[in-house]
Every structure is written in structure tokens, then in C-alpha cells.
Amino acid sequence: MEEQDLYTIKEAADLTGISESELINLIMQKQLTAIRIEKAIRIKEKDLDKFLGLFTESTDEKQEEVESKNSGFILYSAEQVAKILQLSVDNIWNLLKNGKLKGFKIREGRSSWRITSDNLKEFIEARTRNLV
């Protein structure tokens, strides 16, 4: 059996720049896989690498690769969502802050928001229903 590194929440936070509380939220939302060893939570290196692969802001070709590998689960940046919805980034940030578009912050700063493909789809469907 292959030996893997296990990271504590603090170690994973230091490695990724994502706050400890946000990592815990991601684990609770089942967006990041973790294991429990007695009372401790640990994140396998491969699971952290897999999760971080979702954050790469890459070319459309690489984005399609990520989509197919993760069965449609994607994390978009606010900038990417702005481009998709043809809105300004400021509008997207306001929608996120007001809770009209669901997302989460991976660190402090304006361009640190991430929106799941499911949340984006829900937002679009809700807006489309209101127009009909």
C-alpha cells in the first residue's frame, strides 16, 4: 500500500492559503474529502491535490478537462462567472455579498470568491424562472 502524507487543518491552511475555518466549511459541505482519526481531522495529500486542481484558473481547454474529470463539479472565480453571465465583476461581488448568488471565500480579498457549478446553475435557473 502506498504511503501518503496526512495534513492537519492548520498544515493544509498554511499550504493553500485557505483559512482553517473555510477548510472546515469545505469539509462539512463535502467539497473537500477528509478523514477522522479519533478526534483529529486529517486531509490526505491526494485529496488536497485533487481539490486544489479545481481552483486552477486555466484555459478553456483545461477547464473542459477539469469538468470531465470531476463529473461536472467546477469551482468558478467571480471573474469567470462575470464573463459567463456577461456582468461586471462588481455586480458578481454584490450578488455574492447579498447572498443572491451562493459562493464562498478561499481567503481575504475581492477576487477570492469561488462559486460551484451547481450554485451558478441554481442562480441562472432562479433568474430564468422569475422572467417567465
N, C-alpha and C. Protein backbone atom coordinates (compact mmCIF):
# COMPACT_ATOMS: atom_id res chain seq x y z
N MET A 1 0.84 -1.19 0.00
CA MET A 1 0.00 0.00 0.00
C MET A 1 0.88 1.24 0.00
N GLU A 2 0.49 2.23 -0.77
CA GLU A 2 1.24 3.47 -0.93
C GLU A 2 1.09 4.36 0.30
N GLU A 3 2.21 4.88 0.81
CA GLU A 3 2.17 5.76 1.97
C GLU A 3 1.86 7.18 1.50
N GLN A 4 0.95 7.85 2.19
CA GLN A 4 0.55 9.21 1.82
C GLN A 4 0.76 10.14 2.99
N ASP A 5 1.00 11.40 2.66
CA ASP A 5 1.06 12.42 3.70
C ASP A 5 -0.35 12.75 4.15
N LEU A 6 -0.50 12.95 5.44
CA LEU A 6 -1.76 13.41 6.01
C LEU A 6 -1.50 14.79 6.60
N TYR A 7 -2.36 15.74 6.27
CA TYR A 7 -2.20 17.10 6.76
C TYR A 7 -3.24 17.42 7.82
N THR A 8 -2.82 18.17 8.81
CA THR A 8 -3.79 18.73 9.76
C THR A 8 -4.48 19.89 9.06
N ILE A 9 -5.53 20.38 9.65
CA ILE A 9 -6.23 21.54 9.09
C ILE A 9 -5.27 22.72 9.01
N LYS A 10 -4.49 22.93 10.05
CA LYS A 10 -3.53 24.05 10.07
C LYS A 10 -2.49 23.90 8.96
N GLU A 11 -1.95 22.70 8.79
CA GLU A 11 -0.95 22.47 7.74
C GLU A 11 -1.56 22.71 6.35
N ALA A 12 -2.78 22.22 6.15
CA ALA A 12 -3.45 22.42 4.86
C ALA A 12 -3.72 23.91 4.62
N ALA A 13 -4.10 24.62 5.68
CA ALA A 13 -4.34 26.06 5.56
C ALA A 13 -3.05 26.79 5.18
N ASP A 14 -1.95 26.42 5.82
CA ASP A 14 -0.66 27.04 5.52
C ASP A 14 -0.23 26.75 4.08
N LEU A 15 -0.49 25.54 3.62
CA LEU A 15 -0.11 25.16 2.25
C LEU A 15 -0.95 25.86 1.18
N THR A 16 -2.22 26.03 1.45
CA THR A 16 -3.15 26.50 0.42
C THR A 16 -3.46 27.99 0.48
N GLY A 17 -3.28 28.59 1.66
CA GLY A 17 -3.68 29.99 1.82
C GLY A 17 -5.17 30.12 2.10
N ILE A 18 -5.86 28.99 2.30
CA ILE A 18 -7.28 29.00 2.65
C ILE A 18 -7.35 28.95 4.18
N SER A 19 -8.20 29.76 4.77
CA SER A 19 -8.28 29.81 6.22
C SER A 19 -8.72 28.46 6.80
N GLU A 20 -8.34 28.21 8.05
CA GLU A 20 -8.72 26.96 8.71
C GLU A 20 -10.23 26.81 8.78
N SER A 21 -10.93 27.90 9.10
CA SER A 21 -12.39 27.82 9.21
C SER A 21 -13.03 27.53 7.85
N GLU A 22 -12.46 28.08 6.78
CA GLU A 22 -13.00 27.82 5.45
C GLU A 22 -12.74 26.37 5.04
N LEU A 23 -11.58 25.83 5.40
CA LEU A 23 -11.30 24.42 5.11
C LEU A 23 -12.30 23.52 5.83
N ILE A 24 -12.59 23.85 7.07
CA ILE A 24 -13.58 23.07 7.84
C ILE A 24 -14.94 23.16 7.16
N ASN A 25 -15.32 24.37 6.70
CA ASN A 25 -16.60 24.53 5.99
C ASN A 25 -16.62 23.68 4.73
N LEU A 26 -15.52 23.67 3.98
CA LEU A 26 -15.44 22.88 2.75
C LEU A 26 -15.58 21.39 3.05
N ILE A 27 -14.98 20.96 4.14
CA ILE A 27 -15.07 19.55 4.55
C ILE A 27 -16.52 19.23 4.94
N MET A 28 -17.15 20.12 5.70
CA MET A 28 -18.54 19.89 6.13
C MET A 28 -19.49 19.88 4.93
N GLN A 29 -19.18 20.67 3.89
CA GLN A 29 -20.01 20.71 2.69
C GLN A 29 -19.67 19.57 1.74
N LYS A 30 -18.72 18.73 2.15
CA LYS A 30 -18.27 17.58 1.36
C LYS A 30 -17.67 17.99 0.02
N GLN A 31 -17.08 19.18 -0.01
CA GLN A 31 -16.38 19.63 -1.21
C GLN A 31 -14.90 19.27 -1.14
N LEU A 32 -14.43 19.00 0.08
CA LEU A 32 -13.06 18.56 0.31
C LEU A 32 -13.14 17.31 1.18
N THR A 33 -12.52 16.25 0.72
CA THR A 33 -12.56 14.97 1.44
C THR A 33 -11.54 14.99 2.58
N ALA A 34 -11.97 14.52 3.73
CA ALA A 34 -11.08 14.42 4.89
C ALA A 34 -11.42 13.14 5.64
N ILE A 35 -10.50 12.74 6.49
CA ILE A 35 -10.75 11.55 7.32
C ILE A 35 -10.63 11.93 8.78
N ARG A 36 -11.29 11.16 9.62
CA ARG A 36 -11.22 11.39 11.06
C ARG A 36 -10.38 10.27 11.66
N ILE A 37 -9.39 10.66 12.44
CA ILE A 37 -8.56 9.72 13.18
C ILE A 37 -8.77 10.07 14.65
N GLU A 38 -9.58 9.24 15.30
CA GLU A 38 -10.06 9.52 16.65
C GLU A 38 -10.72 10.89 16.65
N LYS A 39 -10.18 11.88 17.37
CA LYS A 39 -10.82 13.20 17.41
C LYS A 39 -10.22 14.17 16.40
N ALA A 40 -9.19 13.74 15.69
CA ALA A 40 -8.49 14.64 14.77
C ALA A 40 -9.01 14.48 13.34
N ILE A 41 -8.98 15.57 12.61
CA ILE A 41 -9.35 15.56 11.19
C ILE A 41 -8.06 15.67 10.39
N ARG A 42 -7.91 14.82 9.39
CA ARG A 42 -6.73 14.85 8.54
C ARG A 42 -7.17 14.86 7.08
N ILE A 43 -6.36 15.49 6.26
CA ILE A 43 -6.63 15.56 4.82
C ILE A 43 -5.49 14.85 4.11
N LYS A 44 -5.86 13.88 3.28
CA LYS A 44 -4.84 13.16 2.52
C LYS A 44 -4.26 14.08 1.45
N GLU A 45 -2.98 13.90 1.19
CA GLU A 45 -2.29 14.72 0.19
C GLU A 45 -2.99 14.64 -1.17
N LYS A 46 -3.38 13.43 -1.58
CA LYS A 46 -4.02 13.28 -2.90
C LYS A 46 -5.37 13.99 -2.93
N ASP A 47 -6.10 13.99 -1.81
CA ASP A 47 -7.40 14.67 -1.78
C ASP A 47 -7.22 16.18 -1.84
N LEU A 48 -6.19 16.69 -1.17
CA LEU A 48 -5.90 18.12 -1.22
C LEU A 48 -5.47 18.52 -2.63
N ASP A 49 -4.62 17.71 -3.24
CA ASP A 49 -4.18 17.98 -4.61
C ASP A 49 -5.37 17.98 -5.57
N LYS A 50 -6.24 17.01 -5.41
CA LYS A 50 -7.43 16.92 -6.27
C LYS A 50 -8.30 18.16 -6.09
N PHE A 51 -8.52 18.56 -4.85
CA PHE A 51 -9.33 19.74 -4.57
C PHE A 51 -8.69 20.99 -5.16
N LEU A 52 -7.40 21.15 -4.97
CA LEU A 52 -6.71 22.34 -5.47
C LEU A 52 -6.70 22.39 -6.99
N GLY A 53 -6.77 21.24 -7.62
CA GLY A 53 -6.85 21.20 -9.08
C GLY A 53 -8.09 21.89 -9.60
N LEU A 54 -9.13 21.97 -8.76
CA LEU A 54 -10.36 22.63 -9.15
C LEU A 54 -10.20 24.14 -9.21
N PHE A 55 -9.19 24.67 -8.51
CA PHE A 55 -9.03 26.12 -8.41
C PHE A 55 -8.21 26.71 -9.54
N THR A 56 -7.63 25.90 -10.37
CA THR A 56 -6.76 26.45 -11.40
C THR A 56 -7.58 27.29 -12.37
N GLU A 57 -7.18 28.53 -12.52
CA GLU A 57 -7.83 29.40 -13.49
C GLU A 57 -7.04 29.22 -14.77
N SER A 58 -7.61 28.44 -15.66
CA SER A 58 -6.84 27.99 -16.81
C SER A 58 -7.56 28.30 -18.11
N THR A 59 -7.00 27.80 -19.17
CA THR A 59 -7.60 27.98 -20.49
C THR A 59 -8.89 27.20 -20.57
N ASP A 60 -9.69 27.52 -21.59
CA ASP A 60 -10.96 26.81 -21.78
C ASP A 60 -10.73 25.32 -21.96
N GLU A 61 -9.65 24.96 -22.66
CA GLU A 61 -9.34 23.55 -22.89
C GLU A 61 -9.10 22.83 -21.58
N LYS A 62 -8.28 23.44 -20.69
CA LYS A 62 -8.02 22.81 -19.40
C LYS A 62 -9.27 22.80 -18.55
N GLN A 63 -10.11 23.83 -18.64
CA GLN A 63 -11.35 23.88 -17.88
C GLN A 63 -12.25 22.73 -18.28
N GLU A 64 -12.30 22.40 -19.57
CA GLU A 64 -13.10 21.27 -20.03
C GLU A 64 -12.56 19.97 -19.47
N GLU A 65 -11.23 19.85 -19.36
CA GLU A 65 -10.61 18.67 -18.75
C GLU A 65 -11.07 18.52 -17.31
N VAL A 66 -11.03 19.62 -16.56
CA VAL A 66 -11.44 19.61 -15.16
C VAL A 66 -12.90 19.21 -15.05
N GLU A 67 -13.74 19.74 -15.93
CA GLU A 67 -15.17 19.41 -15.92
C GLU A 67 -15.38 17.91 -16.10
N SER A 68 -14.74 17.32 -17.10
CA SER A 68 -14.96 15.90 -17.37
C SER A 68 -14.39 15.03 -16.26
N LYS A 69 -13.26 15.42 -15.68
CA LYS A 69 -12.67 14.62 -14.60
C LYS A 69 -13.51 14.65 -13.35
N ASN A 70 -14.19 15.76 -13.10
CA ASN A 70 -14.91 15.93 -11.85
C ASN A 70 -16.42 15.83 -12.02
N SER A 71 -16.85 15.15 -13.06
CA SER A 71 -18.27 14.89 -13.31
C SER A 71 -19.13 16.14 -13.21
N GLY A 72 -18.66 17.23 -13.78
CA GLY A 72 -19.45 18.45 -13.81
C GLY A 72 -19.25 19.36 -12.62
N PHE A 73 -18.53 18.94 -11.59
CA PHE A 73 -18.29 19.80 -10.44
C PHE A 73 -17.12 20.73 -10.75
N ILE A 74 -17.40 22.02 -10.73
CA ILE A 74 -16.37 23.01 -11.03
C ILE A 74 -16.49 24.13 -10.03
N LEU A 75 -15.38 24.74 -9.72
CA LEU A 75 -15.38 25.98 -8.94
C LEU A 75 -14.96 27.10 -9.87
N TYR A 76 -15.81 28.11 -9.96
CA TYR A 76 -15.52 29.27 -10.78
C TYR A 76 -15.08 30.43 -9.89
N SER A 77 -14.23 31.27 -10.41
CA SER A 77 -13.90 32.52 -9.74
C SER A 77 -15.00 33.53 -10.07
N ALA A 78 -15.05 34.61 -9.31
CA ALA A 78 -16.04 35.66 -9.59
C ALA A 78 -15.83 36.23 -10.99
N GLU A 79 -14.57 36.33 -11.39
CA GLU A 79 -14.25 36.86 -12.71
C GLU A 79 -14.79 35.95 -13.82
N GLN A 80 -14.67 34.64 -13.62
CA GLN A 80 -15.18 33.69 -14.61
C GLN A 80 -16.70 33.75 -14.69
N VAL A 81 -17.36 33.87 -13.54
CA VAL A 81 -18.82 33.96 -13.52
C VAL A 81 -19.27 35.25 -14.20
N ALA A 82 -18.54 36.33 -13.97
CA ALA A 82 -18.87 37.60 -14.63
C ALA A 82 -18.82 37.44 -16.14
N LYS A 83 -17.82 36.74 -16.61
CA LYS A 83 -17.68 36.52 -18.06
C LYS A 83 -18.84 35.64 -18.58
N ILE A 84 -19.17 34.60 -17.84
CA ILE A 84 -20.25 33.69 -18.25
C ILE A 84 -21.59 34.43 -18.31
N LEU A 85 -21.87 35.23 -17.26
CA LEU A 85 -23.16 35.92 -17.18
C LEU A 85 -23.17 37.26 -17.90
N GLN A 86 -22.03 37.65 -18.42
CA GLN A 86 -21.87 38.93 -19.10
C GLN A 86 -22.30 40.09 -18.20
N LEU A 87 -21.78 40.05 -16.96
CA LEU A 87 -21.98 41.11 -15.98
C LEU A 87 -20.62 41.62 -15.54
N SER A 88 -20.61 42.74 -14.86
CA SER A 88 -19.33 43.24 -14.34
C SER A 88 -18.95 42.41 -13.11
N VAL A 89 -17.68 42.39 -12.82
CA VAL A 89 -17.20 41.67 -11.63
C VAL A 89 -17.78 42.30 -10.37
N ASP A 90 -17.93 43.62 -10.37
CA ASP A 90 -18.54 44.31 -9.22
C ASP A 90 -19.96 43.80 -8.96
N ASN A 91 -20.72 43.60 -10.04
CA ASN A 91 -22.08 43.05 -9.88
C ASN A 91 -22.04 41.66 -9.26
N ILE A 92 -21.10 40.84 -9.70
CA ILE A 92 -20.98 39.47 -9.15
C ILE A 92 -20.63 39.54 -7.67
N TRP A 93 -19.67 40.41 -7.29
CA TRP A 93 -19.31 40.54 -5.88
C TRP A 93 -20.51 40.98 -5.05
N ASN A 94 -21.32 41.90 -5.58
CA ASN A 94 -22.51 42.34 -4.85
C ASN A 94 -23.52 41.20 -4.70
N LEU A 95 -23.71 40.42 -5.75
CA LEU A 95 -24.62 39.27 -5.67
C LEU A 95 -24.13 38.27 -4.62
N LEU A 96 -22.83 38.06 -4.56
CA LEU A 96 -22.26 37.13 -3.57
C LEU A 96 -22.43 37.68 -2.16
N LYS A 97 -22.12 38.95 -1.96
CA LYS A 97 -22.21 39.56 -0.63
C LYS A 97 -23.65 39.60 -0.13
N ASN A 98 -24.61 39.79 -1.06
CA ASN A 98 -26.03 39.85 -0.68
C ASN A 98 -26.65 38.47 -0.56
N GLY A 99 -25.91 37.43 -0.92
CA GLY A 99 -26.42 36.07 -0.81
C GLY A 99 -27.33 35.64 -1.95
N LYS A 100 -27.46 36.48 -2.97
CA LYS A 100 -28.31 36.11 -4.11
C LYS A 100 -27.64 35.06 -4.97
N LEU A 101 -26.32 35.08 -4.99
CA LEU A 101 -25.51 34.05 -5.64
C LEU A 101 -24.68 33.40 -4.55
N LYS A 102 -24.79 32.09 -4.40
CA LYS A 102 -24.07 31.40 -3.33
C LYS A 102 -22.63 31.13 -3.75
N GLY A 103 -21.73 31.40 -2.84
CA GLY A 103 -20.31 31.16 -3.06
C GLY A 103 -19.60 31.17 -1.72
N PHE A 104 -18.30 31.02 -1.75
CA PHE A 104 -17.52 31.06 -0.52
C PHE A 104 -16.17 31.68 -0.81
N LYS A 105 -15.56 32.20 0.25
CA LYS A 105 -14.25 32.83 0.10
C LYS A 105 -13.16 31.82 0.46
N ILE A 106 -12.10 31.81 -0.34
CA ILE A 106 -10.99 30.93 -0.03
C ILE A 106 -9.89 31.67 0.74
N ARG A 107 -9.95 32.99 0.74
CA ARG A 107 -9.03 33.83 1.51
C ARG A 107 -9.61 35.24 1.47
N GLU A 108 -9.00 36.15 2.21
CA GLU A 108 -9.47 37.53 2.20
C GLU A 108 -9.08 38.21 0.90
N GLY A 109 -9.90 39.11 0.46
CA GLY A 109 -9.65 39.82 -0.79
C GLY A 109 -10.82 39.67 -1.72
N ARG A 110 -10.96 40.61 -2.63
CA ARG A 110 -12.14 40.64 -3.51
C ARG A 110 -12.16 39.47 -4.50
N SER A 111 -11.02 39.11 -5.06
CA SER A 111 -11.05 38.07 -6.09
C SER A 111 -10.82 36.67 -5.52
N SER A 112 -11.22 36.49 -4.28
CA SER A 112 -11.02 35.19 -3.64
C SER A 112 -12.31 34.37 -3.55
N TRP A 113 -13.38 34.87 -4.15
CA TRP A 113 -14.65 34.13 -4.13
C TRP A 113 -14.61 32.96 -5.09
N ARG A 114 -15.26 31.87 -4.72
CA ARG A 114 -15.44 30.72 -5.59
C ARG A 114 -16.91 30.34 -5.59
N ILE A 115 -17.41 29.97 -6.75
CA ILE A 115 -18.81 29.61 -6.93
C ILE A 115 -18.84 28.23 -7.56
N THR A 116 -19.58 27.30 -6.96
CA THR A 116 -19.66 25.96 -7.54
C THR A 116 -20.54 26.00 -8.79
N SER A 117 -20.33 25.05 -9.66
CA SER A 117 -21.15 24.97 -10.87
C SER A 117 -22.61 24.77 -10.51
N ASP A 118 -22.88 24.02 -9.44
CA ASP A 118 -24.26 23.81 -9.01
C ASP A 118 -24.90 25.12 -8.55
N ASN A 119 -24.16 25.94 -7.78
CA ASN A 119 -24.69 27.22 -7.31
C ASN A 119 -24.93 28.17 -8.48
N LEU A 120 -24.05 28.17 -9.45
CA LEU A 120 -24.24 29.01 -10.63
C LEU A 120 -25.48 28.57 -11.40
N LYS A 121 -25.63 27.26 -11.55
CA LYS A 121 -26.80 26.72 -12.25
C LYS A 121 -28.09 27.11 -11.52
N GLU A 122 -28.10 26.98 -10.19
CA GLU A 122 -29.28 27.36 -9.40
C GLU A 122 -29.62 28.84 -9.59
N PHE A 123 -28.59 29.68 -9.58
CA PHE A 123 -28.79 31.12 -9.74
C PHE A 123 -29.41 31.41 -11.10
N ILE A 124 -28.88 30.79 -12.15
CA ILE A 124 -29.39 31.02 -13.51
C ILE A 124 -30.83 30.53 -13.62
N GLU A 125 -31.10 29.35 -13.06
CA GLU A 125 -32.46 28.80 -13.11
C GLU A 125 -33.44 29.69 -12.36
N ALA A 126 -33.04 30.20 -11.20
CA ALA A 126 -33.92 31.08 -10.41
C ALA A 126 -34.20 32.37 -11.17
N ARG A 127 -33.20 32.93 -11.80
CA ARG A 127 -33.37 34.16 -12.58
C ARG A 127 -34.26 33.91 -13.79
N THR A 128 -34.11 32.76 -14.40
CA THR A 128 -34.90 32.43 -15.59
C THR A 128 -36.36 32.21 -15.22
N ARG A 129 -36.61 31.57 -14.07
CA ARG A 129 -37.98 31.35 -13.60
C ARG A 129 -38.67 32.69 -13.35
N ASN A 130 -37.94 33.65 -12.79
CA ASN A 130 -38.52 34.96 -12.48
C ASN A 130 -38.86 35.76 -13.73
N LEU A 131 -38.24 35.43 -14.85
CA LEU A 131 -38.52 36.15 -16.10
C LEU A 131 -39.74 35.61 -16.82
N VAL A 132 -40.07 34.36 -16.53
CA VAL A 132 -41.18 33.72 -17.25
C VAL A 132 -42.51 34.05 -16.62
